[in-house]
Amino acid sequence: RPIDGTSEFDSAMGQIFQILMNVSRDFLAKSSSSIAMDESEFEFAEYITESMVFLGSSNLQSVAGDAGIVSSYLQQVVFCLDE
């Protein structure tokens, strides 16, 4: 996290969190439905989860002010890792 311009950085990280969480939510919905995922989709979902974990471990403070995002993020990561 840069020392100067933290609000711009936090905004960018917040948007990235939202994008990854939306993609993750779509994969979770697909995996819980009767629609079968092929191997490449499953592998992509694993990469999304890994990206979410890395982003959270290094930049969670950027979105920590929004309890809703943090709660959703943690729930999705735990659920994805459980799958």
PDB file of N, CA and C in Angstrom:
ATOM      1  N   ARG A   1       0.865  -1.173   0.000  1.00  0.00           N
ATOM      2  CA  ARG A   1       0.000   0.000   0.000  1.00  0.00           C
ATOM      3  C   ARG A   1       0.904   1.226   0.000  1.00  0.00           C
ATOM      4  N   PRO A   2       0.736   2.090  -0.975  1.00  0.00           N
ATOM      5  CA  PRO A   2       1.593   3.283  -1.026  1.00  0.00           C
ATOM      6  C   PRO A   2       1.264   4.258   0.111  1.00  0.00           C
ATOM      7  N   ILE A   3       2.283   4.988   0.532  1.00  0.00           N
ATOM      8  CA  ILE A   3       2.103   5.957   1.613  1.00  0.00           C
ATOM      9  C   ILE A   3       1.253   7.132   1.162  1.00  0.00           C
ATOM     10  N   ASP A   4       1.488   7.617  -0.040  1.00  0.00           N
ATOM     11  CA  ASP A   4       0.684   8.738  -0.550  1.00  0.00           C
ATOM     12  C   ASP A   4      -0.391   8.223  -1.503  1.00  0.00           C
ATOM     13  N   GLY A   5      -1.475   8.909  -1.569  1.00  0.00           N
ATOM     14  CA  GLY A   5      -2.555   8.516  -2.478  1.00  0.00           C
ATOM     15  C   GLY A   5      -3.287   7.266  -2.053  1.00  0.00           C
ATOM     16  N   THR A   6      -3.441   7.056  -0.769  1.00  0.00           N
ATOM     17  CA  THR A   6      -4.045   5.810  -0.296  1.00  0.00           C
ATOM     18  C   THR A   6      -5.514   5.689  -0.684  1.00  0.00           C
ATOM     19  N   SER A   7      -6.232   6.796  -0.790  1.00  0.00           N
ATOM     20  CA  SER A   7      -7.653   6.688  -1.144  1.00  0.00           C
ATOM     21  C   SER A   7      -7.822   6.167  -2.567  1.00  0.00           C
ATOM     22  N   GLU A   8      -6.959   6.568  -3.486  1.00  0.00           N
ATOM     23  CA  GLU A   8      -7.029   6.061  -4.853  1.00  0.00           C
ATOM     24  C   GLU A   8      -6.672   4.577  -4.890  1.00  0.00           C
ATOM     25  N   PHE A   9      -5.654   4.211  -4.142  1.00  0.00           N
ATOM     26  CA  PHE A   9      -5.238   2.807  -4.077  1.00  0.00           C
ATOM     27  C   PHE A   9      -6.344   1.963  -3.450  1.00  0.00           C
ATOM     28  N   ASP A  10      -6.910   2.450  -2.345  1.00  0.00           N
ATOM     29  CA  ASP A  10      -7.991   1.724  -1.682  1.00  0.00           C
ATOM     30  C   ASP A  10      -9.192   1.564  -2.602  1.00  0.00           C
ATOM     31  N   SER A  11      -9.495   2.593  -3.375  1.00  0.00           N
ATOM     32  CA  SER A  11     -10.606   2.516  -4.319  1.00  0.00           C
ATOM     33  C   SER A  11     -10.332   1.458  -5.387  1.00  0.00           C
ATOM     34  N   ALA A  12      -9.120   1.444  -5.908  1.00  0.00           N
ATOM     35  CA  ALA A  12      -8.751   0.460  -6.931  1.00  0.00           C
ATOM     36  C   ALA A  12      -8.813  -0.960  -6.354  1.00  0.00           C
ATOM     37  N   MET A  13      -8.299  -1.141  -5.151  1.00  0.00           N
ATOM     38  CA  MET A  13      -8.336  -2.461  -4.524  1.00  0.00           C
ATOM     39  C   MET A  13      -9.775  -2.880  -4.236  1.00  0.00           C
ATOM     40  N   GLY A  14     -10.614  -1.947  -3.825  1.00  0.00           N
ATOM     41  CA  GLY A  14     -12.020  -2.244  -3.594  1.00  0.00           C
ATOM     42  C   GLY A  14     -12.707  -2.731  -4.853  1.00  0.00           C
ATOM     43  N   GLN A  15     -12.392  -2.098  -5.987  1.00  0.00           N
ATOM     44  CA  GLN A  15     -12.975  -2.514  -7.257  1.00  0.00           C
ATOM     45  C   GLN A  15     -12.483  -3.901  -7.662  1.00  0.00           C
ATOM     46  N   ILE A  16     -11.201  -4.171  -7.432  1.00  0.00           N
ATOM     47  CA  ILE A  16     -10.655  -5.490  -7.757  1.00  0.00           C
ATOM     48  C   ILE A  16     -11.296  -6.561  -6.875  1.00  0.00           C
ATOM     49  N   PHE A  17     -11.458  -6.248  -5.582  1.00  0.00           N
ATOM     50  CA  PHE A  17     -12.142  -7.173  -4.682  1.00  0.00           C
ATOM     51  C   PHE A  17     -13.541  -7.475  -5.213  1.00  0.00           C
ATOM     52  N   GLN A  18     -14.269  -6.456  -5.617  1.00  0.00           N
ATOM     53  CA  GLN A  18     -15.641  -6.644  -6.109  1.00  0.00           C
ATOM     54  C   GLN A  18     -15.662  -7.527  -7.358  1.00  0.00           C
ATOM     55  N   ILE A  19     -14.753  -7.286  -8.270  1.00  0.00           N
ATOM     56  CA  ILE A  19     -14.705  -8.068  -9.511  1.00  0.00           C
ATOM     57  C   ILE A  19     -14.420  -9.537  -9.199  1.00  0.00           C
ATOM     58  N   LEU A  20     -13.402  -9.786  -8.384  1.00  0.00           N
ATOM     59  CA  LEU A  20     -13.064 -11.167  -8.044  1.00  0.00           C
ATOM     60  C   LEU A  20     -14.198 -11.848  -7.283  1.00  0.00           C
ATOM     61  N   MET A  21     -14.853 -11.111  -6.403  1.00  0.00           N
ATOM     62  CA  MET A  21     -15.959 -11.698  -5.652  1.00  0.00           C
ATOM     63  C   MET A  21     -17.150 -11.989  -6.555  1.00  0.00           C
ATOM     64  N   ASN A  22     -17.403 -11.153  -7.541  1.00  0.00           N
ATOM     65  CA  ASN A  22     -18.491 -11.422  -8.484  1.00  0.00           C
ATOM     66  C   ASN A  22     -18.199 -12.671  -9.308  1.00  0.00           C
ATOM     67  N   VAL A  23     -16.966 -12.805  -9.781  1.00  0.00           N
ATOM     68  CA  VAL A  23     -16.588 -13.998 -10.543  1.00  0.00           C
ATOM     69  C   VAL A  23     -16.694 -15.230  -9.656  1.00  0.00           C
ATOM     70  N   SER A  24     -16.190 -15.113  -8.434  1.00  0.00           N
ATOM     71  CA  SER A  24     -16.262 -16.224  -7.490  1.00  0.00           C
ATOM     72  C   SER A  24     -17.706 -16.611  -7.201  1.00  0.00           C
ATOM     73  N   ARG A  25     -18.563 -15.626  -6.992  1.00  0.00           N
ATOM     74  CA  ARG A  25     -19.979 -15.881  -6.716  1.00  0.00           C
ATOM     75  C   ARG A  25     -20.622 -16.623  -7.882  1.00  0.00           C
ATOM     76  N   ASP A  26     -20.279 -16.240  -9.111  1.00  0.00           N
ATOM     77  CA  ASP A  26     -20.827 -16.923 -10.285  1.00  0.00           C
ATOM     78  C   ASP A  26     -20.399 -18.393 -10.331  1.00  0.00           C
ATOM     79  N   PHE A  27     -19.115 -18.648 -10.040  1.00  0.00           N
ATOM     80  CA  PHE A  27     -18.643 -20.026 -10.033  1.00  0.00           C
ATOM     81  C   PHE A  27     -19.282 -20.821  -8.912  1.00  0.00           C
ATOM     82  N   LEU A  28     -19.454 -20.197  -7.749  1.00  0.00           N
ATOM     83  CA  LEU A  28     -20.098 -20.901  -6.636  1.00  0.00           C
ATOM     84  C   LEU A  28     -21.541 -21.246  -6.972  1.00  0.00           C
ATOM     85  N   ALA A  29     -22.241 -20.322  -7.620  1.00  0.00           N
ATOM     86  CA  ALA A  29     -23.625 -20.581  -8.013  1.00  0.00           C
ATOM     87  C   ALA A  29     -23.683 -21.715  -9.028  1.00  0.00           C
ATOM     88  N   LYS A  30     -22.746 -21.709  -9.957  1.00  0.00           N
ATOM     89  CA  LYS A  30     -22.729 -22.763 -10.972  1.00  0.00           C
ATOM     90  C   LYS A  30     -22.389 -24.113 -10.362  1.00  0.00           C
ATOM     91  N   SER A  31     -21.449 -24.130  -9.425  1.00  0.00           N
ATOM     92  CA  SER A  31     -21.052 -25.405  -8.816  1.00  0.00           C
ATOM     93  C   SER A  31     -22.136 -25.968  -7.908  1.00  0.00           C
ATOM     94  N   SER A  32     -22.971 -25.098  -7.337  1.00  0.00           N
ATOM     95  CA  SER A  32     -24.032 -25.594  -6.463  1.00  0.00           C
ATOM     96  C   SER A  32     -25.296 -25.967  -7.236  1.00  0.00           C
ATOM     97  N   SER A  33     -25.347 -25.600  -8.505  1.00  0.00           N
ATOM     98  CA  SER A  33     -26.498 -25.986  -9.328  1.00  0.00           C
ATOM     99  C   SER A  33     -26.194 -27.309 -10.026  1.00  0.00           C
ATOM    100  N   SER A  34     -27.088 -27.719 -10.858  1.00  0.00           N
ATOM    101  CA  SER A  34     -26.898 -28.993 -11.560  1.00  0.00           C
ATOM    102  C   SER A  34     -26.046 -28.840 -12.826  1.00  0.00           C
ATOM    103  N   ILE A  35     -25.590 -27.630 -13.094  1.00  0.00           N
ATOM    104  CA  ILE A  35     -24.764 -27.394 -14.284  1.00  0.00           C
ATOM    105  C   ILE A  35     -23.351 -27.900 -14.010  1.00  0.00           C
ATOM    106  N   ALA A  36     -22.873 -28.760 -14.860  1.00  0.00           N
ATOM    107  CA  ALA A  36     -21.541 -29.339 -14.677  1.00  0.00           C
ATOM    108  C   ALA A  36     -20.460 -28.373 -15.155  1.00  0.00           C
ATOM    109  N   MET A  37     -19.380 -28.316 -14.386  1.00  0.00           N
ATOM    110  CA  MET A  37     -18.231 -27.499 -14.775  1.00  0.00           C
ATOM    111  C   MET A  37     -17.177 -28.423 -15.375  1.00  0.00           C
ATOM    112  N   ASP A  38     -16.583 -27.991 -16.485  1.00  0.00           N
ATOM    113  CA  ASP A  38     -15.515 -28.801 -17.041  1.00  0.00           C
ATOM    114  C   ASP A  38     -14.203 -28.484 -16.316  1.00  0.00           C
ATOM    115  N   GLU A  39     -13.182 -29.234 -16.643  1.00  0.00           N
ATOM    116  CA  GLU A  39     -11.901 -29.106 -15.934  1.00  0.00           C
ATOM    117  C   GLU A  39     -11.300 -27.709 -16.063  1.00  0.00           C
ATOM    118  N   SER A  40     -11.386 -27.085 -17.220  1.00  0.00           N
ATOM    119  CA  SER A  40     -10.792 -25.759 -17.397  1.00  0.00           C
ATOM    120  C   SER A  40     -11.527 -24.705 -16.560  1.00  0.00           C
ATOM    121  N   GLU A  41     -12.850 -24.838 -16.446  1.00  0.00           N
ATOM    122  CA  GLU A  41     -13.611 -23.905 -15.603  1.00  0.00           C
ATOM    123  C   GLU A  41     -13.253 -24.092 -14.131  1.00  0.00           C
ATOM    124  N   PHE A  42     -13.113 -25.343 -13.721  1.00  0.00           N
ATOM    125  CA  PHE A  42     -12.749 -25.626 -12.338  1.00  0.00           C
ATOM    126  C   PHE A  42     -11.361 -25.077 -12.025  1.00  0.00           C
ATOM    127  N   GLU A  43     -10.430 -25.234 -12.957  1.00  0.00           N
ATOM    128  CA  GLU A  43      -9.066 -24.725 -12.778  1.00  0.00           C
ATOM    129  C   GLU A  43      -9.077 -23.197 -12.706  1.00  0.00           C
ATOM    130  N   PHE A  44      -9.879 -22.556 -13.545  1.00  0.00           N
ATOM    131  CA  PHE A  44      -9.989 -21.099 -13.511  1.00  0.00           C
ATOM    132  C   PHE A  44     -10.560 -20.631 -12.174  1.00  0.00           C
ATOM    133  N   ALA A  45     -11.555 -21.355 -11.664  1.00  0.00           N
ATOM    134  CA  ALA A  45     -12.138 -21.020 -10.362  1.00  0.00           C
ATOM    135  C   ALA A  45     -11.088 -21.137  -9.256  1.00  0.00           C
ATOM    136  N   GLU A  46     -10.209 -22.126  -9.349  1.00  0.00           N
ATOM    137  CA  GLU A  46      -9.125 -22.258  -8.375  1.00  0.00           C
ATOM    138  C   GLU A  46      -8.186 -21.064  -8.448  1.00  0.00           C
ATOM    139  N   TYR A  47      -7.877 -20.605  -9.645  1.00  0.00           N
ATOM    140  CA  TYR A  47      -7.014 -19.428  -9.798  1.00  0.00           C
ATOM    141  C   TYR A  47      -7.667 -18.173  -9.226  1.00  0.00           C
ATOM    142  N   ILE A  48      -8.971 -18.050  -9.417  1.00  0.00           N
ATOM    143  CA  ILE A  48      -9.697 -16.904  -8.858  1.00  0.00           C
ATOM    144  C   ILE A  48      -9.606 -16.943  -7.338  1.00  0.00           C
ATOM    145  N   THR A  49      -9.802 -18.121  -6.757  1.00  0.00           N
ATOM    146  CA  THR A  49      -9.726 -18.266  -5.295  1.00  0.00           C
ATOM    147  C   THR A  49      -8.326 -17.939  -4.798  1.00  0.00           C
ATOM    148  N   GLU A  50      -7.312 -18.441  -5.476  1.00  0.00           N
ATOM    149  CA  GLU A  50      -5.937 -18.140  -5.093  1.00  0.00           C
ATOM    150  C   GLU A  50      -5.666 -16.643  -5.173  1.00  0.00           C
ATOM    151  N   SER A  51      -6.193 -15.992  -6.200  1.00  0.00           N
ATOM    152  CA  SER A  51      -6.022 -14.547  -6.340  1.00  0.00           C
ATOM    153  C   SER A  51      -6.707 -13.798  -5.211  1.00  0.00           C
ATOM    154  N   MET A  52      -7.903 -14.267  -4.834  1.00  0.00           N
ATOM    155  CA  MET A  52      -8.627 -13.629  -3.734  1.00  0.00           C
ATOM    156  C   MET A  52      -7.856 -13.773  -2.419  1.00  0.00           C
ATOM    157  N   VAL A  53      -7.297 -14.951  -2.184  1.00  0.00           N
ATOM    158  CA  VAL A  53      -6.531 -15.178  -0.955  1.00  0.00           C
ATOM    159  C   VAL A  53      -5.298 -14.289  -0.942  1.00  0.00           C
ATOM    160  N   PHE A  54      -4.577 -14.231  -2.054  1.00  0.00           N
ATOM    161  CA  PHE A  54      -3.380 -13.390  -2.117  1.00  0.00           C
ATOM    162  C   PHE A  54      -3.737 -11.918  -1.930  1.00  0.00           C
ATOM    163  N   LEU A  55      -4.759 -11.469  -2.633  1.00  0.00           N
ATOM    164  CA  LEU A  55      -5.169 -10.074  -2.530  1.00  0.00           C
ATOM    165  C   LEU A  55      -5.584  -9.737  -1.104  1.00  0.00           C
ATOM    166  N   GLY A  56      -6.322 -10.629  -0.477  1.00  0.00           N
ATOM    167  CA  GLY A  56      -6.756 -10.395   0.897  1.00  0.00           C
ATOM    168  C   GLY A  56      -5.601 -10.390   1.873  1.00  0.00           C
ATOM    169  N   SER A  57      -4.639 -11.271   1.663  1.00  0.00           N
ATOM    170  CA  SER A  57      -3.515 -11.341   2.603  1.00  0.00           C
ATOM    171  C   SER A  57      -2.593 -10.135   2.486  1.00  0.00           C
ATOM    172  N   SER A  58      -2.585  -9.485   1.344  1.00  0.00           N
ATOM    173  CA  SER A  58      -1.691  -8.342   1.186  1.00  0.00           C
ATOM    174  C   SER A  58      -2.396  -6.991   1.155  1.00  0.00           C
ATOM    175  N   ASN A  59      -3.716  -6.967   0.933  1.00  0.00           N
ATOM    176  CA  ASN A  59      -4.403  -5.678   0.771  1.00  0.00           C
ATOM    177  C   ASN A  59      -5.751  -5.590   1.467  1.00  0.00           C
ATOM    178  N   LEU A  60      -6.016  -6.445   2.420  1.00  0.00           N
ATOM    179  CA  LEU A  60      -7.321  -6.420   3.083  1.00  0.00           C
ATOM    180  C   LEU A  60      -7.575  -5.090   3.789  1.00  0.00           C
ATOM    181  N   GLN A  61      -6.514  -4.430   4.247  1.00  0.00           N
ATOM    182  CA  GLN A  61      -6.689  -3.146   4.919  1.00  0.00           C
ATOM    183  C   GLN A  61      -7.283  -2.087   3.986  1.00  0.00           C
ATOM    184  N   SER A  62      -7.175  -2.303   2.693  1.00  0.00           N
ATOM    185  CA  SER A  62      -7.732  -1.345   1.728  1.00  0.00           C
ATOM    186  C   SER A  62      -9.245  -1.337   1.732  1.00  0.00           C
ATOM    187  N   VAL A  63      -9.867  -2.450   2.101  1.00  0.00           N
ATOM    188  CA  VAL A  63     -11.328  -2.524   2.118  1.00  0.00           C
ATOM    189  C   VAL A  63     -11.874  -2.786   3.519  1.00  0.00           C
ATOM    190  N   ALA A  64     -10.990  -2.778   4.512  1.00  0.00           N
ATOM    191  CA  ALA A  64     -11.402  -3.114   5.878  1.00  0.00           C
ATOM    192  C   ALA A  64     -12.445  -2.156   6.429  1.00  0.00           C
ATOM    193  N   GLY A  65     -12.553  -0.970   5.877  1.00  0.00           N
ATOM    194  CA  GLY A  65     -13.552  -0.011   6.345  1.00  0.00           C
ATOM    195  C   GLY A  65     -14.969  -0.405   5.986  1.00  0.00           C
ATOM    196  N   ASP A  66     -15.139  -1.289   5.025  1.00  0.00           N
ATOM    197  CA  ASP A  66     -16.462  -1.735   4.600  1.00  0.00           C
ATOM    198  C   ASP A  66     -16.685  -3.151   5.121  1.00  0.00           C
ATOM    199  N   ALA A  67     -17.372  -3.258   6.245  1.00  0.00           N
ATOM    200  CA  ALA A  67     -17.574  -4.561   6.891  1.00  0.00           C
ATOM    201  C   ALA A  67     -18.327  -5.538   5.989  1.00  0.00           C
ATOM    202  N   GLY A  68     -19.212  -5.036   5.135  1.00  0.00           N
ATOM    203  CA  GLY A  68     -19.962  -5.905   4.233  1.00  0.00           C
ATOM    204  C   GLY A  68     -19.058  -6.604   3.240  1.00  0.00           C
ATOM    205  N   ILE A  69     -18.113  -5.864   2.673  1.00  0.00           N
ATOM    206  CA  ILE A  69     -17.181  -6.460   1.708  1.00  0.00           C
ATOM    207  C   ILE A  69     -16.299  -7.483   2.405  1.00  0.00           C
ATOM    208  N   VAL A  70     -15.785  -7.131   3.572  1.00  0.00           N
ATOM    209  CA  VAL A  70     -14.891  -8.037   4.287  1.00  0.00           C
ATOM    210  C   VAL A  70     -15.621  -9.320   4.664  1.00  0.00           C
ATOM    211  N   SER A  71     -16.829  -9.197   5.160  1.00  0.00           N
ATOM    212  CA  SER A  71     -17.612 -10.371   5.539  1.00  0.00           C
ATOM    213  C   SER A  71     -17.890 -11.253   4.324  1.00  0.00           C
ATOM    214  N   SER A  72     -18.339 -10.657   3.223  1.00  0.00           N
ATOM    215  CA  SER A  72     -18.615 -11.427   1.997  1.00  0.00           C
ATOM    216  C   SER A  72     -17.348 -12.080   1.475  1.00  0.00           C
ATOM    217  N   TYR A  73     -16.256 -11.325   1.499  1.00  0.00           N
ATOM    218  CA  TYR A  73     -14.972 -11.847   1.033  1.00  0.00           C
ATOM    219  C   TYR A  73     -14.579 -13.081   1.833  1.00  0.00           C
ATOM    220  N   LEU A  74     -14.616 -12.983   3.145  1.00  0.00           N
ATOM    221  CA  LEU A  74     -14.212 -14.108   3.991  1.00  0.00           C
ATOM    222  C   LEU A  74     -15.121 -15.319   3.791  1.00  0.00           C
ATOM    223  N   GLN A  75     -16.421 -15.088   3.671  1.00  0.00           N
ATOM    224  CA  GLN A  75     -17.353 -16.199   3.443  1.00  0.00           C
ATOM    225  C   GLN A  75     -17.065 -16.895   2.123  1.00  0.00           C
ATOM    226  N   GLN A  76     -16.833 -16.112   1.068  1.00  0.00           N
ATOM    227  CA  GLN A  76     -16.588 -16.712  -0.242  1.00  0.00           C
ATOM    228  C   GLN A  76     -15.279 -17.475  -0.273  1.00  0.00           C
ATOM    229  N   VAL A  77     -14.228 -16.906   0.331  1.00  0.00           N
ATOM    230  CA  VAL A  77     -12.937 -17.596   0.326  1.00  0.00           C
ATOM    231  C   VAL A  77     -13.032 -18.911   1.082  1.00  0.00           C
ATOM    232  N   VAL A  78     -13.649 -18.883   2.249  1.00  0.00           N
ATOM    233  CA  VAL A  78     -13.796 -20.112   3.035  1.00  0.00           C
ATOM    234  C   VAL A  78     -14.624 -21.137   2.259  1.00  0.00           C
ATOM    235  N   PHE A  79     -15.711 -20.706   1.646  1.00  0.00           N
ATOM    236  CA  PHE A  79     -16.559 -21.634   0.902  1.00  0.00           C
ATOM    237  C   PHE A  79     -15.825 -22.182  -0.316  1.00  0.00           C
ATOM    238  N   CYS A  80     -15.080 -21.317  -1.011  1.00  0.00           N
ATOM    239  CA  CYS A  80     -14.322 -21.785  -2.199  1.00  0.00           C
ATOM    240  C   CYS A  80     -13.239 -22.775  -1.794  1.00  0.00           C
ATOM    241  N   LEU A  81     -12.569 -22.516  -0.694  1.00  0.00           N
ATOM    242  CA  LEU A  81     -11.525 -23.427  -0.263  1.00  0.00           C
ATOM    243  C   LEU A  81     -12.099 -24.763   0.202  1.00  0.00           C
ATOM    244  N   ASP A  82     -13.340 -24.713   0.667  1.00  0.00           N
ATOM    245  CA  ASP A  82     -14.011 -25.921   1.128  1.00  0.00           C
ATOM    246  C   ASP A  82     -14.467 -26.786  -0.037  1.00  0.00           C
ATOM    247  N   GLU A  83     -14.725 -26.157  -1.195  1.00  0.00           N
ATOM    248  CA  GLU A  83     -15.228 -26.896  -2.363  1.00  0.00           C
ATOM    249  C   GLU A  83     -14.209 -27.835  -2.890  1.00  0.00           C
TER     250      GLU A  83
END
